[in-house]
Amino acid sequence: MENIDYIEIIGLCAAFLTTASFLPQVYKTWKTKDVSGLSLPMLTMFFTGVVLWLIYGLLLKSPSLILANGITTISIMLLFIFKIKYRNR
């Protein structure tokens, strides 16, 4: 295995951990329908940053960046949907 393979493995591990760490918030918000703790400015800034990371990963053809930021983009979009759908509860 070449060094680049080890580097990609490290990236994939980091991608898994950082992406997985976001999923409990999505699940909790979906189950409780409580969006009072979600900051719209934070979600907006985070979404923008993650989409830029995704574009960067696509340009580099980096599986770890594409995987992590693709899944995280979907997670943030779900939180946006929940924030709008459940805002008046």
Protein backbone atom coordinates (compact mmCIF):
# COMPACT_ATOMS: atom_id res chain seq x y z
CA MET A 1 0.00 0.00 0.00
CA GLU A 2 1.37 3.38 -0.96
CA ASN A 3 1.50 6.41 1.36
CA ILE A 4 -1.36 8.06 -0.50
CA ASP A 5 -3.57 5.11 0.41
CA TYR A 6 -2.80 5.63 4.10
CA ILE A 7 -3.60 9.31 3.73
CA GLU A 8 -6.96 8.49 2.11
CA ILE A 9 -7.74 5.99 4.90
CA ILE A 10 -7.09 8.70 7.49
CA GLY A 11 -9.36 11.03 5.52
CA LEU A 12 -12.12 8.42 5.32
CA CYS A 13 -11.91 7.80 9.09
CA ALA A 14 -12.13 11.55 9.74
CA ALA A 15 -15.03 11.80 7.27
CA PHE A 16 -16.92 9.02 9.03
CA LEU A 17 -16.43 10.46 12.52
CA THR A 18 -17.28 14.07 11.69
CA THR A 19 -20.29 13.08 9.59
CA ALA A 20 -21.58 10.58 12.16
CA SER A 21 -21.26 13.17 14.93
CA PHE A 22 -23.86 15.32 13.16
CA LEU A 23 -26.49 12.58 12.79
CA PRO A 24 -27.69 12.47 16.45
CA GLN A 25 -28.83 16.10 16.16
CA VAL A 26 -30.78 15.31 13.01
CA TYR A 27 -32.38 12.28 14.68
CA LYS A 28 -33.22 14.16 17.91
CA THR A 29 -34.77 17.06 16.00
CA TRP A 30 -36.79 14.68 13.85
CA LYS A 31 -38.11 12.75 16.87
CA THR A 32 -38.82 15.70 19.20
CA LYS A 33 -39.73 18.25 16.52
CA ASP A 34 -38.06 20.82 18.80
CA VAL A 35 -36.11 23.29 16.68
CA SER A 36 -35.78 26.02 19.31
CA GLY A 37 -32.09 25.22 19.81
CA LEU A 38 -31.24 25.40 16.12
CA SER A 39 -29.69 28.68 15.02
CA LEU A 40 -30.63 29.64 11.46
CA PRO A 41 -27.49 31.80 10.99
CA MET A 42 -25.30 28.89 12.18
CA LEU A 43 -27.05 26.44 9.86
CA THR A 44 -26.67 28.86 6.95
CA MET A 45 -22.97 29.46 7.53
CA PHE A 46 -22.28 25.77 8.19
CA PHE A 47 -24.22 24.75 5.07
CA THR A 48 -22.27 27.23 2.92
CA GLY A 49 -18.95 25.98 4.29
CA VAL A 50 -19.85 22.33 3.81
CA VAL A 51 -21.01 22.92 0.23
CA LEU A 52 -17.71 24.67 -0.50
CA TRP A 53 -15.83 21.69 1.02
CA LEU A 54 -17.92 19.39 -1.18
CA ILE A 55 -17.04 21.38 -4.31
CA TYR A 56 -13.37 21.35 -3.25
CA GLY A 57 -13.53 17.57 -2.77
CA LEU A 58 -15.16 17.11 -6.18
CA LEU A 59 -12.46 19.21 -7.84
CA LEU A 60 -9.75 17.17 -6.09
CA LYS A 61 -11.64 13.91 -6.71
CA SER A 62 -11.17 13.08 -3.02
CA PRO A 63 -13.54 10.30 -1.90
CA SER A 64 -13.23 11.24 1.77
CA LEU A 65 -14.11 14.90 1.20
CA ILE A 66 -16.94 14.02 -1.18
CA LEU A 67 -18.42 11.39 1.14
CA ALA A 68 -18.25 13.43 4.34
CA ASN A 69 -19.48 16.69 2.89
CA GLY A 70 -22.11 15.08 0.68
CA ILE A 71 -23.71 13.34 3.66
CA THR A 72 -23.32 16.39 5.90
CA THR A 73 -24.95 18.58 3.24
CA ILE A 74 -27.98 16.27 3.29
CA SER A 75 -28.05 16.36 7.10
CA ILE A 76 -27.99 20.15 7.18
CA MET A 77 -30.70 20.33 4.52
CA LEU A 78 -32.86 18.08 6.73
CA LEU A 79 -32.28 20.41 9.70
CA PHE A 80 -33.28 23.39 7.51
CA ILE A 81 -36.47 21.56 6.54
CA PHE A 82 -37.19 20.71 10.19
CA LYS A 83 -36.48 24.32 11.24
CA ILE A 84 -39.03 25.62 8.75
CA LYS A 85 -41.61 22.85 9.24
CA TYR A 86 -41.58 22.83 13.06
CA ARG A 87 -40.80 26.51 13.77
CA ASN A 88 -44.23 27.35 15.21
CA ARG A 89 -44.53 24.44 17.62
